[in-house]
Amino acid sequence: MSVLRSLFSRGQVEDQREKPTLLSGPRVPRHSSGWSALQKHLKAEQALRVLDIGPTSPSNINHLTNLGHSVWMADVVHEAVKGGWETSQQEEGGAPEFDIDGFFQQNLNFNGREFDVVLLWTTLDYVPEGLIAPLIERLYQSLLPGGRILALFHTKQTGPETVFCRYHLTESEMIEMQESAPFPVRRVYTNRTIEKLFSAYSNYRFFLAKDNLYEVIITR
């Protein structure tokens, strides 16, 4: 897969996709305590490397590069759920096995880069089960010590607020949600489940929310 490279402002931007993912619907603002806390960190530091997981968002690119940071974008959810990565079934009716190495080589090949910040968003709610643990391990290996992940999780599997969205950054404490694709939420995580999944990481900061999303900043 070809990798597009270009320079915007003071930061570098790289996008690992051949075809753009279409976004639909209006942008709906949502208060985000997690983004508010992370943005303070981004404003206090210089020349960080940020991995933004999701369809290309020009507003995210502009916001992060205007802060002097470099941006790498990877559309993991769409690549994971479109199929083609399953290699076999463990048994009849069992969970499929995945070509983990092939998936990461095509979609999360950082060529030795290490990141300071990962915007994971709701990725773990939508990707197939077989990719969850390998993805978390991949991020751990790609994060510098002290690096931070902003992750969002749904509290319900069904309902109008569970549609897969792209999250756009703003200069305020708001993020803007924009519908992307009708992917179903595959699972709901508890705080304990999240801590177990990220057990190799050093710290977790949970943020309560009034809607059906809650947020966590996870530190390596």
Protein backbone atom coordinates (compact mmCIF):
# COMPACT_ATOMS: atom_id res chain seq x y z
CA MET A 1 0.00 0.00 0.00
CA SER A 2 1.31 3.38 -0.91
CA VAL A 3 1.89 5.92 1.84
CA LEU A 4 1.02 9.55 1.17
CA ARG A 5 3.43 12.12 2.62
CA SER A 6 3.04 15.86 2.77
CA LEU A 7 3.92 18.76 5.04
CA PHE A 8 1.33 20.99 6.69
CA SER A 9 2.44 23.96 8.77
CA ARG A 10 5.18 22.93 11.19
CA GLY A 11 4.22 19.27 11.49
CA GLN A 12 4.46 16.25 9.26
CA VAL A 13 1.34 14.39 8.19
CA GLU A 14 1.24 10.81 6.94
CA ASP A 15 -1.85 8.89 5.87
CA GLN A 16 -1.78 5.12 5.34
CA ARG A 17 -4.81 4.71 3.10
CA GLU A 18 -5.26 4.48 -0.66
CA LYS A 19 -8.94 5.47 -0.74
CA PRO A 20 -10.66 7.97 1.56
CA THR A 21 -13.46 6.83 3.84
CA LEU A 22 -16.64 8.78 3.23
CA LEU A 23 -18.15 10.74 6.12
CA SER A 24 -21.84 11.56 6.22
CA GLY A 25 -24.15 13.71 8.27
CA PRO A 26 -23.55 16.90 10.22
CA ARG A 27 -20.92 17.37 12.89
CA VAL A 28 -22.51 17.13 16.32
CA PRO A 29 -20.61 18.87 19.16
CA ARG A 30 -19.95 16.92 22.35
CA HIS A 31 -18.16 18.03 25.51
CA SER A 32 -15.05 15.94 26.13
CA SER A 33 -13.22 16.10 29.45
CA GLY A 34 -10.65 13.68 28.07
CA TRP A 35 -9.88 15.90 25.09
CA SER A 36 -9.74 18.96 27.36
CA ALA A 37 -7.10 17.29 29.54
CA LEU A 38 -5.11 15.98 26.58
CA GLN A 39 -5.18 19.32 24.79
CA LYS A 40 -3.51 20.97 27.80
CA HIS A 41 -0.71 18.43 27.42
CA LEU A 42 -0.43 19.12 23.68
CA LYS A 43 -0.22 22.87 24.28
CA ALA A 44 2.43 22.46 26.97
CA GLU A 45 4.76 20.31 24.83
CA GLN A 46 6.51 20.85 21.52
CA ALA A 47 7.11 18.65 18.46
CA LEU A 48 5.14 15.62 19.64
CA ARG A 49 4.25 12.74 17.33
CA VAL A 50 0.51 12.08 17.27
CA LEU A 51 -1.22 8.99 15.87
CA ASP A 52 -4.84 9.84 15.01
CA ILE A 53 -6.85 6.67 14.31
CA GLY A 54 -9.78 7.27 11.98
CA PRO A 55 -10.72 8.59 8.54
CA THR A 56 -8.74 11.61 7.40
CA SER A 57 -9.88 14.78 9.18
CA PRO A 58 -8.45 18.01 7.74
CA SER A 59 -9.54 19.88 10.87
CA ASN A 60 -7.57 17.46 13.06
CA ILE A 61 -4.53 17.85 10.84
CA ASN A 62 -4.77 21.63 10.97
CA HIS A 63 -5.31 21.77 14.71
CA LEU A 64 -2.46 19.43 15.61
CA THR A 65 0.06 20.82 13.15
CA ASN A 66 -0.75 24.39 14.21
CA LEU A 67 0.33 23.30 17.68
CA GLY A 68 3.64 22.23 16.16
CA HIS A 69 3.10 18.47 16.26
CA SER A 70 3.49 15.78 13.59
CA VAL A 71 0.48 13.64 12.66
CA TRP A 72 0.16 10.06 11.41
CA MET A 73 -3.34 8.91 10.41
CA ALA A 74 -4.58 5.32 10.16
CA ASP A 75 -8.14 4.25 9.31
CA VAL A 76 -8.04 1.07 11.42
CA VAL A 77 -11.75 0.34 11.93
CA HIS A 78 -12.72 0.42 8.27
CA GLU A 79 -9.73 -1.70 7.31
CA ALA A 80 -10.45 -4.23 10.07
CA VAL A 81 -14.17 -4.75 9.47
CA LYS A 82 -14.21 -4.77 5.68
CA GLY A 83 -12.92 -8.36 5.84
CA GLY A 84 -10.15 -10.27 4.16
CA TRP A 85 -7.96 -10.66 7.26
CA GLU A 86 -9.54 -13.84 8.59
CA THR A 87 -7.38 -16.90 7.97
CA SER A 88 -9.43 -19.72 9.50
CA GLN A 89 -12.03 -20.74 12.05
CA GLN A 90 -10.73 -22.36 15.22
CA GLU A 91 -13.71 -24.71 15.13
CA GLU A 92 -17.23 -24.72 13.78
CA GLY A 93 -18.96 -21.64 15.16
CA GLY A 94 -15.74 -20.48 16.79
CA ALA A 95 -14.00 -17.15 16.56
CA PRO A 96 -11.96 -16.59 13.40
CA GLU A 97 -8.20 -16.29 13.43
CA PHE A 98 -6.57 -13.28 11.78
CA ASP A 99 -3.52 -12.50 9.72
CA ILE A 100 -2.19 -10.19 12.43
CA ASP A 101 1.18 -9.54 10.82
CA GLY A 102 -0.38 -8.79 7.45
CA PHE A 103 -2.94 -6.45 8.94
CA PHE A 104 -0.33 -4.45 10.84
CA GLN A 105 2.08 -4.42 7.92
CA GLN A 106 -0.56 -2.83 5.70
CA ASN A 107 -2.32 -0.58 8.20
CA LEU A 108 -0.07 0.17 11.17
CA ASN A 109 3.43 -0.03 9.76
CA PHE A 110 5.23 2.85 11.46
CA ASN A 111 8.70 2.03 10.13
CA GLY A 112 10.23 2.33 13.57
CA ARG A 113 8.45 5.55 14.55
CA GLU A 114 7.42 6.01 18.16
CA PHE A 115 4.55 8.24 19.25
CA ASP A 116 3.84 10.54 22.16
CA VAL A 117 0.05 10.61 21.80
CA VAL A 118 -2.52 8.23 20.29
CA LEU A 119 -6.09 9.33 19.58
CA LEU A 120 -7.70 5.88 19.68
CA TRP A 121 -11.28 7.13 19.96
CA THR A 122 -13.88 4.27 19.94
CA THR A 123 -11.77 1.89 17.84
CA LEU A 124 -11.87 -0.97 20.35
CA ASP A 125 -15.68 -1.03 20.31
CA TYR A 126 -15.78 -1.91 16.60
CA VAL A 127 -12.77 -4.00 15.56
CA PRO A 128 -13.02 -7.82 15.60
CA GLU A 129 -12.15 -9.56 18.86
CA GLY A 130 -9.08 -11.25 17.41
CA LEU A 131 -7.44 -7.88 16.76
CA ILE A 132 -8.01 -6.31 20.20
CA ALA A 133 -5.06 -7.66 22.20
CA PRO A 134 -2.59 -7.45 19.28
CA LEU A 135 -3.64 -3.84 18.62
CA ILE A 136 -3.14 -2.83 22.24
CA GLU A 137 0.27 -4.50 22.22
CA ARG A 138 1.16 -2.77 18.95
CA LEU A 139 0.31 0.60 20.44
CA TYR A 140 2.35 -0.19 23.55
CA GLN A 141 5.38 -0.99 21.42
CA SER A 142 4.88 2.20 19.40
CA LEU A 143 4.40 4.57 22.34
CA LEU A 144 7.29 6.32 24.05
CA PRO A 145 7.47 5.94 27.86
CA GLY A 146 4.97 8.40 29.27
CA GLY A 147 3.03 8.41 26.01
CA ARG A 148 -0.74 8.87 26.28
CA ILE A 149 -3.76 7.27 24.64
CA LEU A 150 -7.19 8.92 24.54
CA ALA A 151 -9.82 6.18 24.22
CA LEU A 152 -13.62 6.38 24.22
CA PHE A 153 -15.99 3.52 25.02
CA HIS A 154 -19.72 3.03 24.59
CA THR A 155 -21.78 1.99 27.59
CA LYS A 156 -24.46 0.37 25.38
CA GLN A 157 -24.25 -1.94 22.36
CA THR A 158 -27.38 -0.68 20.64
CA GLY A 159 -29.15 2.61 20.13
CA PRO A 160 -28.79 5.75 18.02
CA GLU A 161 -25.65 6.88 19.86
CA THR A 162 -23.70 3.73 18.99
CA VAL A 163 -23.16 4.54 15.30
CA PHE A 164 -19.50 4.62 14.26
CA CYS A 165 -18.32 8.24 14.12
CA ARG A 166 -15.27 10.27 13.22
CA TYR A 167 -14.21 12.63 16.00
CA HIS A 168 -13.00 16.07 14.97
CA LEU A 169 -10.88 18.19 17.32
CA THR A 170 -11.61 21.79 18.23
CA GLU A 171 -9.77 24.47 20.20
CA SER A 172 -12.39 24.26 22.94
CA GLU A 173 -13.38 21.41 25.27
CA MET A 174 -15.70 20.13 22.55
CA ILE A 175 -15.15 17.44 19.97
CA GLU A 176 -17.39 17.09 16.93
CA MET A 177 -18.93 13.71 16.11
CA GLN A 178 -19.66 12.90 12.46
CA GLU A 179 -21.30 9.67 11.31
CA SER A 180 -18.99 7.54 9.21
CA ALA A 181 -20.35 4.02 8.67
CA PRO A 182 -23.13 1.78 10.13
CA PHE A 183 -20.78 -0.56 11.98
CA PRO A 184 -22.24 -2.25 15.09
CA VAL A 185 -20.68 -1.93 18.54
CA ARG A 186 -19.27 -5.41 19.12
CA ARG A 187 -18.76 -5.26 22.89
CA VAL A 188 -19.07 -3.06 25.98
CA TYR A 189 -16.15 -2.65 28.36
CA THR A 190 -16.16 -2.09 32.10
CA ASN A 191 -13.48 -0.10 33.91
CA ARG A 192 -12.01 -3.37 35.16
CA THR A 193 -11.92 -4.82 31.65
CA ILE A 194 -10.10 -1.75 30.35
CA GLU A 195 -7.52 -1.91 33.14
CA LYS A 196 -6.98 -5.61 32.39
CA LEU A 197 -6.58 -5.02 28.64
CA PHE A 198 -4.08 -2.23 29.29
CA SER A 199 -2.37 -3.98 32.21
CA ALA A 200 1.10 -3.34 30.75
CA TYR A 201 0.47 0.41 30.90
CA SER A 202 1.24 2.49 33.97
CA ASN A 203 -1.80 4.67 34.61
CA TYR A 204 -5.48 5.15 33.76
CA ARG A 205 -7.55 8.30 34.18
CA PHE A 206 -11.29 7.81 33.73
CA PHE A 207 -13.71 10.62 32.90
CA LEU A 208 -17.44 10.39 33.56
CA ALA A 209 -19.88 11.64 30.92
CA LYS A 210 -23.63 12.24 30.79
CA ASP A 211 -24.13 10.46 27.47
CA ASN A 212 -23.50 6.84 26.48
CA LEU A 213 -19.77 7.36 26.05
CA TYR A 214 -17.05 7.47 28.66
CA GLU A 215 -13.42 8.40 28.23
CA VAL A 216 -10.05 7.21 29.45
CA ILE A 217 -6.53 8.61 29.17
CA ILE A 218 -4.11 5.69 29.39
CA THR A 219 -0.41 6.34 30.02
CA ARG A 220 2.37 4.00 29.00
